[in-house]
Protein backbone atom coordinates (compact mmCIF):
# COMPACT_ATOMS: atom_id res chain seq x y z
CA MET A 1 119.03 83.44 -80.54
CA PRO A 2 120.19 84.42 -77.05
CA VAL A 3 123.77 85.63 -76.68
CA LEU A 4 125.96 85.22 -73.59
CA HIS A 5 127.80 88.43 -72.65
CA LYS A 6 130.31 89.27 -69.94
CA TYR A 7 130.03 92.37 -67.75
CA MET A 8 132.85 94.85 -68.33
CA ASP A 9 133.01 96.37 -64.84
CA GLN A 10 132.11 93.36 -62.71
CA LYS A 11 132.34 89.60 -62.59
CA GLY A 12 129.74 87.42 -64.19
CA HIS A 13 127.70 87.10 -67.35
CA TYR A 14 124.29 88.14 -68.62
CA VAL A 15 122.16 87.13 -71.61
CA LEU A 16 120.67 89.29 -74.34
CA THR A 17 117.92 88.09 -76.61
CA SER A 18 115.05 89.49 -78.67
CA ILE A 19 111.46 88.64 -77.77
CA LYS A 20 108.49 90.23 -79.50
CA GLU A 21 110.83 92.71 -81.25
CA ARG A 22 112.28 93.94 -77.94
CA ILE A 23 115.82 93.45 -76.69
CA ILE A 24 115.59 91.66 -73.33
CA THR A 25 118.38 91.47 -70.76
CA PHE A 26 118.47 88.41 -68.50
CA GLN A 27 120.59 88.37 -65.37
CA LEU A 28 122.00 85.00 -64.32
CA THR A 29 122.49 83.42 -60.93
CA LYS A 30 125.89 81.84 -60.30
CA GLU A 31 124.28 78.46 -60.86
CA GLY A 32 122.73 79.58 -64.15
CA GLU A 33 126.01 81.03 -65.37
CA ALA A 34 127.80 77.80 -64.46
CA ARG A 35 125.21 75.68 -66.25
CA LEU A 36 125.67 77.62 -69.50
CA ILE A 37 129.46 77.61 -69.32
CA ASP A 38 129.58 73.92 -68.36
CA SER A 39 127.36 73.24 -71.38
CA GLY A 40 130.04 74.73 -73.61
CA VAL A 41 128.50 78.16 -74.20
CA GLU A 42 131.24 80.80 -74.49
CA THR A 43 131.19 84.59 -74.15
CA SER A 44 129.63 86.32 -77.19
CA GLN A 45 128.32 82.98 -78.42
CA THR A 46 124.68 82.32 -79.34
CA PHE A 47 122.79 79.37 -77.89
CA GLY A 48 119.31 77.87 -78.22
CA ARG A 49 116.26 79.49 -76.69
CA ALA A 50 115.36 76.17 -75.07
CA LEU A 51 118.43 76.48 -72.80
CA LEU A 52 117.40 80.00 -71.76
CA LEU A 53 113.84 78.86 -71.11
CA ASP A 54 115.15 76.07 -68.89
CA LEU A 55 117.13 78.63 -66.87
CA ILE A 56 114.06 80.85 -66.58
CA ARG A 57 111.98 77.90 -65.41
CA SER A 58 114.52 77.05 -62.71
CA GLY A 59 114.83 80.68 -61.57
CA ASP A 60 118.48 80.89 -62.73
CA ALA A 61 117.71 83.53 -65.40
CA PHE A 62 115.57 86.55 -64.61
CA THR A 63 114.92 90.00 -65.99
CA GLN A 64 114.44 93.33 -64.24
CA GLY A 65 114.78 95.53 -67.29
CA THR A 66 115.18 95.50 -71.05
CA GLY A 67 117.75 96.59 -73.54
CA PRO A 68 121.23 98.06 -73.15
CA GLY A 69 122.01 100.87 -70.74
CA MET A 70 122.09 98.77 -67.60
CA ILE A 71 125.19 99.10 -65.42
CA GLY A 72 127.99 96.94 -66.74
CA ILE A 73 126.57 96.28 -70.20
CA GLU A 74 129.06 97.20 -72.91
CA ASP A 75 128.13 99.65 -75.65
CA ASP A 76 128.66 97.35 -78.61
CA LYS A 77 126.36 97.22 -81.63
CA ARG A 78 127.28 93.58 -82.13
CA GLN A 79 125.39 92.65 -78.99
CA LEU A 80 122.15 93.54 -80.79
CA GLU A 81 122.77 91.12 -83.66
CA PHE A 82 120.84 87.89 -83.31
CA ASP A 83 120.61 84.93 -85.65
CA PHE A 84 116.98 83.84 -85.50
CA SER A 85 117.04 81.58 -88.56
CA ASP A 86 119.19 78.94 -86.86
CA ASP A 87 117.05 78.61 -83.75
CA PRO A 88 114.40 75.86 -83.99
CA ASP A 89 112.65 77.12 -80.84
CA PRO A 90 110.22 80.03 -81.46
CA GLU A 91 110.22 83.08 -79.21
CA SER A 92 106.56 82.38 -78.50
CA MET A 93 107.70 79.58 -76.17
CA PHE A 94 108.55 82.17 -73.50
CA PRO A 95 105.87 82.87 -70.87
CA TYR A 96 104.68 86.46 -70.71
CA CYS A 97 102.47 88.85 -68.74
CA GLN A 98 98.93 88.73 -70.06
CA ASP A 99 98.41 92.48 -69.70
CA CYS A 100 101.70 94.03 -70.84
CA SER A 101 103.78 91.13 -72.31
CA SER A 102 106.57 91.70 -69.76
CA LEU A 103 108.79 88.74 -68.83
CA ASN A 104 109.72 90.18 -65.44
CA ASP A 105 109.00 88.17 -62.25
CA LEU A 106 105.95 86.38 -63.61
CA HIS A 107 103.34 84.79 -61.33
CA PHE A 108 100.35 82.61 -62.03
CA VAL A 109 97.43 84.35 -60.33
CA GLU A 110 93.82 83.59 -59.52
CA ILE A 111 91.70 86.72 -59.98
CA LYS A 112 88.40 86.79 -58.12
CA GLY A 113 85.41 88.70 -59.43
CA ALA A 114 82.12 88.01 -61.11
CA LYS A 115 84.07 85.18 -62.76
CA THR A 116 87.23 83.47 -61.49
CA GLN A 117 90.06 84.07 -63.91
CA GLY A 118 93.49 82.43 -64.23
CA SER A 119 96.24 84.64 -65.58
CA ILE A 120 100.00 85.25 -65.69
CA LEU A 121 101.06 88.72 -64.55
CA CYS A 122 104.22 90.73 -63.87
CA PRO A 123 104.70 92.76 -60.62
CA ASN A 124 103.26 96.00 -62.02
CA CYS A 125 100.13 94.35 -63.36
CA ARG A 126 99.72 92.30 -60.18
CA SER A 127 99.81 95.47 -58.09
CA LYS A 128 97.02 96.99 -60.18
CA LYS A 129 94.81 93.97 -59.46
CA SER A 130 96.08 93.12 -55.96
CA ALA A 131 92.66 93.55 -54.33
CA ALA A 132 91.16 90.85 -56.57
CA ILE A 133 94.09 88.37 -56.51
CA ASP A 134 93.52 85.31 -54.31
CA VAL A 135 96.37 82.98 -55.35
CA SER A 136 99.79 84.11 -56.61
CA ILE A 137 102.52 81.56 -57.42
CA PRO A 138 105.95 82.39 -58.92
CA LEU A 139 106.01 80.82 -62.35
CA PHE A 140 109.33 79.04 -61.84
CA LEU A 141 107.71 77.11 -58.96
CA LEU A 142 104.68 76.10 -61.01
CA SER A 143 105.10 72.55 -62.25
CA ARG A 144 102.73 70.70 -64.56
CA SER A 145 101.39 68.59 -61.69
CA LEU A 146 100.81 71.64 -59.47
CA LEU A 147 99.00 73.48 -62.24
CA ASN A 148 96.76 70.49 -62.90
CA ARG A 149 96.06 70.21 -59.16
CA LEU A 150 95.02 73.86 -59.05
CA PHE A 151 92.67 73.34 -61.98
CA SER A 152 91.08 70.31 -60.29
CA GLN A 153 90.67 72.00 -56.89
CA LYS A 154 89.57 75.44 -58.05
CA LYS A 155 86.93 76.35 -60.58
CA PHE A 156 88.27 78.78 -63.17
CA ASP A 157 85.66 80.36 -65.40
CA LYS A 158 88.33 81.69 -67.72
CA LEU A 159 91.99 80.97 -68.46
CA ASP A 160 93.90 83.71 -70.25
CA ASP A 161 95.90 82.97 -73.39
CA SER A 162 99.15 83.29 -71.41
CA VAL A 163 98.07 80.45 -69.09
CA ILE A 164 96.92 78.19 -71.92
CA ALA A 165 100.22 78.75 -73.76
CA TYR A 166 102.22 77.99 -70.62
CA GLN A 167 100.18 74.85 -69.93
CA GLU A 168 100.86 73.66 -73.48
CA LEU A 169 104.58 74.29 -72.95
CA LEU A 170 104.57 72.22 -69.74
CA ASN A 171 102.73 69.42 -71.54
CA ILE A 172 105.23 69.44 -74.42
CA GLU A 173 108.15 69.28 -71.99
CA PHE A 174 106.48 66.44 -70.09
CA GLU A 175 105.85 64.45 -73.26
CA SER A 176 109.40 65.02 -74.53
CA LYS A 177 110.86 63.71 -71.26
CA TRP A 178 108.71 60.58 -71.50
CA GLU A 179 109.73 60.08 -75.13
CA ALA A 180 113.39 60.38 -74.14
CA PHE A 181 112.85 57.90 -71.31
CA ILE A 182 111.11 55.38 -73.58
CA LYS A 183 113.90 55.69 -76.17
CA SER A 184 116.56 55.11 -73.50
CA LYS A 185 114.70 52.03 -72.20
CA SER A 186 114.33 50.73 -75.74
CA SER A 187 118.06 51.20 -76.36
CA GLN A 188 118.86 49.35 -73.15
CA GLN A 189 116.53 46.52 -74.14
CA ARG A 190 118.21 46.16 -77.54
CA LEU A 191 121.59 46.13 -75.81
CA PHE A 192 120.48 43.33 -73.47
CA GLU A 193 119.09 41.37 -76.40
CA LYS A 194 122.42 41.63 -78.22
CA ASP A 195 124.27 40.48 -75.09
CA ASP A 196 121.89 37.50 -74.78
CA GLU A 197 122.51 36.62 -78.40
CA LYS A 198 126.26 36.72 -77.88
CA GLN A 199 126.03 34.56 -74.78
CA SER A 200 123.75 32.04 -76.53
CA LYS A 201 126.14 31.83 -79.44
CA LEU A 202 129.09 31.40 -77.08
CA PHE A 203 127.47 28.52 -75.25
CA SER A 204 126.22 26.90 -78.47
CA ASP A 205 129.74 26.94 -79.86
């Protein structure tokens, strides 16, 4: 599970987690830090991967490196201890670069060639294919509706596994929001029905 840590030599917090057997350091914007703290997450406390993914999706958590050794990160073996068994969200839910599995500054890209290919790439891998890239969209700006619009307007001969996995994630999030909305409407309806029953009983008495 991700762990919230506080910088020793500067203000603010960062997040450490393990993805694909690598220790990943996520920096936080002020808004991202506030969202975690307001949610009740405390320093040195673990929290669900779904929260971290939400921050990544909004651009409030980002990575420019991995592991300890970055300026301000304390040398503490406890920071490398993660409790994976209690986290219901698998690490595979995180988007990744198709070519190198990096999580840094990911973009959805359209690669032109003999066949048009849709992929998700980090800055280094994008630079290697820059001459063939036609469309490049930061992943945190890519909504489910925008992705579907791209697929309908452009003909992709191939979608990489990273894109398919990310599309599935967007679909799951979309469906979960609708399920939550339907449940809330159902609860409201039951509440109104109970109020109507009370009023009917009051008037009948």
